[in-house]
């Protein structure tokens, strides 16, 4: 079930954002990973809202 959750949000089976997701977020082409903590935080917030993660 968790894999389907990540797939719906544009992440692969390794829980890494797909290129299409990065492009949609305006992050494709960045040479550093400064945005990944923000993406992680947004993902955790979404999981909490969906009830998949306890607060």
PDB file of N, CA and C in Angstrom:
ATOM      1  N   UNK A   1       0.813  -1.187   0.000  1.00  0.00           N
ATOM      2  CA  UNK A   1       0.000   0.000   0.000  1.00  0.00           C
ATOM      3  C   UNK A   1       0.869   1.270   0.000  1.00  0.00           C
ATOM      4  N   UNK A   2       1.964   1.219   0.724  1.00  0.00           N
ATOM      5  CA  UNK A   2       2.838   2.391   0.782  1.00  0.00           C
ATOM      6  C   UNK A   2       3.457   2.677  -0.581  1.00  0.00           C
ATOM      7  N   UNK A   3       3.794   1.628  -1.331  1.00  0.00           N
ATOM      8  CA  UNK A   3       4.352   1.837  -2.672  1.00  0.00           C
ATOM      9  C   UNK A   3       3.363   2.558  -3.580  1.00  0.00           C
ATOM     10  N   UNK A   4       2.067   2.207  -3.470  1.00  0.00           N
ATOM     11  CA  UNK A   4       1.055   2.885  -4.269  1.00  0.00           C
ATOM     12  C   UNK A   4       0.958   4.353  -3.869  1.00  0.00           C
ATOM     13  N   UNK A   5       1.086   4.632  -2.588  1.00  0.00           N
ATOM     14  CA  UNK A   5       1.042   6.007  -2.094  1.00  0.00           C
ATOM     15  C   UNK A   5       2.154   6.839  -2.732  1.00  0.00           C
ATOM     16  N   UNK A   6       3.365   6.297  -2.724  1.00  0.00           N
ATOM     17  CA  UNK A   6       4.489   7.019  -3.324  1.00  0.00           C
ATOM     18  C   UNK A   6       4.305   7.166  -4.831  1.00  0.00           C
ATOM     19  N   UNK A   7       3.794   6.134  -5.478  1.00  0.00           N
ATOM     20  CA  UNK A   7       3.593   6.194  -6.932  1.00  0.00           C
ATOM     21  C   UNK A   7       2.603   7.290  -7.304  1.00  0.00           C
ATOM     22  N   UNK A   8       1.530   7.417  -6.540  1.00  0.00           N
ATOM     23  CA  UNK A   8       0.530   8.451  -6.810  1.00  0.00           C
ATOM     24  C   UNK A   8       1.148   9.837  -6.704  1.00  0.00           C
ATOM     25  N   UNK A   9       2.105   9.993  -5.822  1.00  0.00           N
ATOM     26  CA  UNK A   9       2.728  11.291  -5.612  1.00  0.00           C
ATOM     27  C   UNK A   9       3.967  11.517  -6.484  1.00  0.00           C
ATOM     28  N   UNK A  10       4.261  10.560  -7.365  1.00  0.00           N
ATOM     29  CA  UNK A  10       5.340  10.768  -8.328  1.00  0.00           C
ATOM     30  C   UNK A  10       6.706  10.314  -7.856  1.00  0.00           C
ATOM     31  N   UNK A  11       6.754   9.383  -6.902  1.00  0.00           N
ATOM     32  CA  UNK A  11       8.023   8.851  -6.412  1.00  0.00           C
ATOM     33  C   UNK A  11       8.148   7.414  -6.894  1.00  0.00           C
ATOM     34  N   UNK A  12       9.368   6.912  -7.016  1.00  0.00           N
ATOM     35  CA  UNK A  12       9.559   5.539  -7.470  1.00  0.00           C
ATOM     36  C   UNK A  12       9.531   4.568  -6.295  1.00  0.00           C
ATOM     37  N   UNK A  13       9.780   3.289  -6.586  1.00  0.00           N
ATOM     38  CA  UNK A  13       9.724   2.252  -5.546  1.00  0.00           C
ATOM     39  C   UNK A  13      10.816   2.409  -4.487  1.00  0.00           C
ATOM     40  N   UNK A  14      11.833   3.199  -4.790  1.00  0.00           N
ATOM     41  CA  UNK A  14      12.890   3.486  -3.812  1.00  0.00           C
ATOM     42  C   UNK A  14      12.623   4.772  -3.042  1.00  0.00           C
ATOM     43  N   UNK A  15      11.427   5.319  -3.239  1.00  0.00           N
ATOM     44  CA  UNK A  15      10.994   6.557  -2.578  1.00  0.00           C
ATOM     45  C   UNK A  15      11.851   7.756  -2.970  1.00  0.00           C
ATOM     46  N   UNK A  16      12.185   7.787  -4.255  1.00  0.00           N
ATOM     47  CA  UNK A  16      12.940   8.896  -4.838  1.00  0.00           C
ATOM     48  C   UNK A  16      12.019   9.572  -5.837  1.00  0.00           C
ATOM     49  N   UNK A  17      11.948  10.907  -5.837  1.00  0.00           N
ATOM     50  CA  UNK A  17      11.058  11.570  -6.786  1.00  0.00           C
ATOM     51  C   UNK A  17      11.472  11.298  -8.230  1.00  0.00           C
ATOM     52  N   UNK A  18      10.473  11.022  -9.065  1.00  0.00           N
ATOM     53  CA  UNK A  18      10.730  10.786 -10.488  1.00  0.00           C
ATOM     54  C   UNK A  18      11.076  12.108 -11.176  1.00  0.00           C
ATOM     55  N   UNK A  19      11.722  12.013 -12.326  1.00  0.00           N
ATOM     56  CA  UNK A  19      12.085  13.216 -13.081  1.00  0.00           C
ATOM     57  C   UNK A  19      10.865  14.071 -13.401  1.00  0.00           C
ATOM     58  N   UNK A  20       9.735  13.418 -13.720  1.00  0.00           N
ATOM     59  CA  UNK A  20       8.513  14.167 -14.026  1.00  0.00           C
ATOM     60  C   UNK A  20       8.061  14.980 -12.809  1.00  0.00           C
ATOM     61  N   UNK A  21       8.210  14.400 -11.626  1.00  0.00           N
ATOM     62  CA  UNK A  21       7.830  15.091 -10.398  1.00  0.00           C
ATOM     63  C   UNK A  21       8.749  16.280 -10.149  1.00  0.00           C
ATOM     64  N   UNK A  22      10.049  16.061 -10.317  1.00  0.00           N
ATOM     65  CA  UNK A  22      11.001  17.158 -10.138  1.00  0.00           C
ATOM     66  C   UNK A  22      10.745  18.276 -11.136  1.00  0.00           C
ATOM     67  N   UNK A  23      10.406  17.905 -12.371  1.00  0.00           N
ATOM     68  CA  UNK A  23      10.116  18.919 -13.382  1.00  0.00           C
ATOM     69  C   UNK A  23       8.872  19.704 -13.003  1.00  0.00           C
ATOM     70  N   UNK A  24       7.839  19.004 -12.567  1.00  0.00           N
ATOM     71  CA  UNK A  24       6.602  19.673 -12.160  1.00  0.00           C
ATOM     72  C   UNK A  24       6.842  20.639 -11.002  1.00  0.00           C
ATOM     73  N   UNK A  25       7.748  20.287 -10.107  1.00  0.00           N
ATOM     74  CA  UNK A  25       8.057  21.129  -8.957  1.00  0.00           C
ATOM     75  C   UNK A  25       9.089  22.208  -9.283  1.00  0.00           C
ATOM     76  N   UNK A  26       9.583  22.194 -10.510  1.00  0.00           N
ATOM     77  CA  UNK A  26      10.566  23.189 -10.919  1.00  0.00           C
ATOM     78  C   UNK A  26      11.961  22.903 -10.390  1.00  0.00           C
ATOM     79  N   UNK A  27      12.242  21.636 -10.086  1.00  0.00           N
ATOM     80  CA  UNK A  27      13.535  21.280  -9.500  1.00  0.00           C
ATOM     81  C   UNK A  27      14.435  20.502 -10.445  1.00  0.00           C
ATOM     82  N   UNK A  28      13.930  20.084 -11.579  1.00  0.00           N
ATOM     83  CA  UNK A  28      14.748  19.312 -12.503  1.00  0.00           C
ATOM     84  C   UNK A  28      15.850  20.196 -13.058  1.00  0.00           C
ATOM     85  N   UNK A  29      17.055  19.699 -13.042  1.00  0.00           N
ATOM     86  CA  UNK A  29      18.186  20.455 -13.539  1.00  0.00           C
ATOM     87  C   UNK A  29      19.008  21.085 -12.431  1.00  0.00           C
ATOM     88  N   UNK A  30      18.493  21.049 -11.213  1.00  0.00           N
ATOM     89  CA  UNK A  30      19.280  21.567 -10.092  1.00  0.00           C
ATOM     90  C   UNK A  30      20.496  20.665  -9.908  1.00  0.00           C
ATOM     91  N   UNK A  31      21.644  21.248  -9.696  1.00  0.00           N
ATOM     92  CA  UNK A  31      22.861  20.456  -9.541  1.00  0.00           C
ATOM     93  C   UNK A  31      23.138  20.087  -8.094  1.00  0.00           C
ATOM     94  N   UNK A  32      22.439  20.699  -7.179  1.00  0.00           N
ATOM     95  CA  UNK A  32      22.603  20.312  -5.784  1.00  0.00           C
ATOM     96  C   UNK A  32      21.268  19.798  -5.249  1.00  0.00           C
ATOM     97  N   UNK A  33      21.265  19.364  -4.035  1.00  0.00           N
ATOM     98  CA  UNK A  33      20.073  18.753  -3.451  1.00  0.00           C
ATOM     99  C   UNK A  33      19.453  19.632  -2.373  1.00  0.00           C
ATOM    100  N   UNK A  34      19.581  20.926  -2.503  1.00  0.00           N
ATOM    101  CA  UNK A  34      19.092  21.810  -1.454  1.00  0.00           C
ATOM    102  C   UNK A  34      17.577  21.764  -1.292  1.00  0.00           C
ATOM    103  N   UNK A  35      16.848  21.331  -2.324  1.00  0.00           N
ATOM    104  CA  UNK A  35      15.395  21.278  -2.231  1.00  0.00           C
ATOM    105  C   UNK A  35      14.872  19.963  -1.660  1.00  0.00           C
ATOM    106  N   UNK A  36      15.689  18.947  -1.597  1.00  0.00           N
ATOM    107  CA  UNK A  36      15.182  17.665  -1.149  1.00  0.00           C
ATOM    108  C   UNK A  36      14.684  17.659   0.293  1.00  0.00           C
ATOM    109  N   UNK A  37      15.294  18.393   1.227  1.00  0.00           N
ATOM    110  CA  UNK A  37      14.691  18.454   2.565  1.00  0.00           C
ATOM    111  C   UNK A  37      13.283  19.051   2.528  1.00  0.00           C
ATOM    112  N   UNK A  38      13.042  20.017   1.677  1.00  0.00           N
ATOM    113  CA  UNK A  38      11.709  20.596   1.563  1.00  0.00           C
ATOM    114  C   UNK A  38      10.725  19.588   0.985  1.00  0.00           C
ATOM    115  N   UNK A  39      11.168  18.834  -0.014  1.00  0.00           N
ATOM    116  CA  UNK A  39      10.311  17.809  -0.609  1.00  0.00           C
ATOM    117  C   UNK A  39       9.986  16.755   0.440  1.00  0.00           C
ATOM    118  N   UNK A  40      10.975  16.344   1.211  1.00  0.00           N
ATOM    119  CA  UNK A  40      10.771  15.347   2.253  1.00  0.00           C
ATOM    120  C   UNK A  40       9.751  15.856   3.269  1.00  0.00           C
ATOM    121  N   UNK A  41       9.879  17.099   3.674  1.00  0.00           N
ATOM    122  CA  UNK A  41       8.956  17.679   4.644  1.00  0.00           C
ATOM    123  C   UNK A  41       7.532  17.702   4.083  1.00  0.00           C
ATOM    124  N   UNK A  42       7.377  18.108   2.824  1.00  0.00           N
ATOM    125  CA  UNK A  42       6.057  18.112   2.204  1.00  0.00           C
ATOM    126  C   UNK A  42       5.468  16.710   2.126  1.00  0.00           C
ATOM    127  N   UNK A  43       6.301  15.730   1.818  1.00  0.00           N
ATOM    128  CA  UNK A  43       5.841  14.349   1.755  1.00  0.00           C
ATOM    129  C   UNK A  43       5.373  13.872   3.122  1.00  0.00           C
ATOM    130  N   UNK A  44       6.144  14.164   4.161  1.00  0.00           N
ATOM    131  CA  UNK A  44       5.758  13.748   5.508  1.00  0.00           C
ATOM    132  C   UNK A  44       4.450  14.412   5.936  1.00  0.00           C
ATOM    133  N   UNK A  45       4.269  15.671   5.587  1.00  0.00           N
ATOM    134  CA  UNK A  45       3.024  16.360   5.905  1.00  0.00           C
ATOM    135  C   UNK A  45       1.847  15.716   5.182  1.00  0.00           C
ATOM    136  N   UNK A  46       2.038  15.371   3.915  1.00  0.00           N
ATOM    137  CA  UNK A  46       0.974  14.718   3.151  1.00  0.00           C
ATOM    138  C   UNK A  46       0.631  13.363   3.751  1.00  0.00           C
ATOM    139  N   UNK A  47       1.652  12.621   4.169  1.00  0.00           N
ATOM    140  CA  UNK A  47       1.401  11.315   4.768  1.00  0.00           C
ATOM    141  C   UNK A  47       0.636  11.460   6.081  1.00  0.00           C
ATOM    142  N   UNK A  48       0.950  12.480   6.870  1.00  0.00           N
ATOM    143  CA  UNK A  48       0.226  12.706   8.116  1.00  0.00           C
ATOM    144  C   UNK A  48      -1.235  13.048   7.826  1.00  0.00           C
ATOM    145  N   UNK A  49      -1.471  13.890   6.828  1.00  0.00           N
ATOM    146  CA  UNK A  49      -2.836  14.263   6.465  1.00  0.00           C
ATOM    147  C   UNK A  49      -3.634  13.063   5.978  1.00  0.00           C
ATOM    148  N   UNK A  50      -2.971  12.148   5.271  1.00  0.00           N
ATOM    149  CA  UNK A  50      -3.637  10.949   4.753  1.00  0.00           C
ATOM    150  C   UNK A  50      -3.759   9.861   5.812  1.00  0.00           C
ATOM    151  N   UNK A  51      -3.207  10.083   6.994  1.00  0.00           N
ATOM    152  CA  UNK A  51      -3.304   9.092   8.062  1.00  0.00           C
ATOM    153  C   UNK A  51      -2.319   7.950   7.932  1.00  0.00           C
ATOM    154  N   UNK A  52      -1.324   8.101   7.080  1.00  0.00           N
ATOM    155  CA  UNK A  52      -0.337   7.028   6.896  1.00  0.00           C
ATOM    156  C   UNK A  52       0.841   7.172   7.847  1.00  0.00           C
ATOM    157  N   UNK A  53       0.896   8.287   8.541  1.00  0.00           N
ATOM    158  CA  UNK A  53       2.001   8.553   9.449  1.00  0.00           C
ATOM    159  C   UNK A  53       1.415   9.154  10.716  1.00  0.00           C
ATOM    160  N   UNK A  54       1.833   8.642  11.849  1.00  0.00           N
ATOM    161  CA  UNK A  54       1.338   9.179  13.110  1.00  0.00           C
ATOM    162  C   UNK A  54       2.136  10.414  13.493  1.00  0.00           C
ATOM    163  N   UNK A  55       1.468  11.361  14.134  1.00  0.00           N
ATOM    164  CA  UNK A  55       2.138  12.572  14.570  1.00  0.00           C
ATOM    165  C   UNK A  55       2.769  12.393  15.931  1.00  0.00           C
TER     166      UNK A  55
END
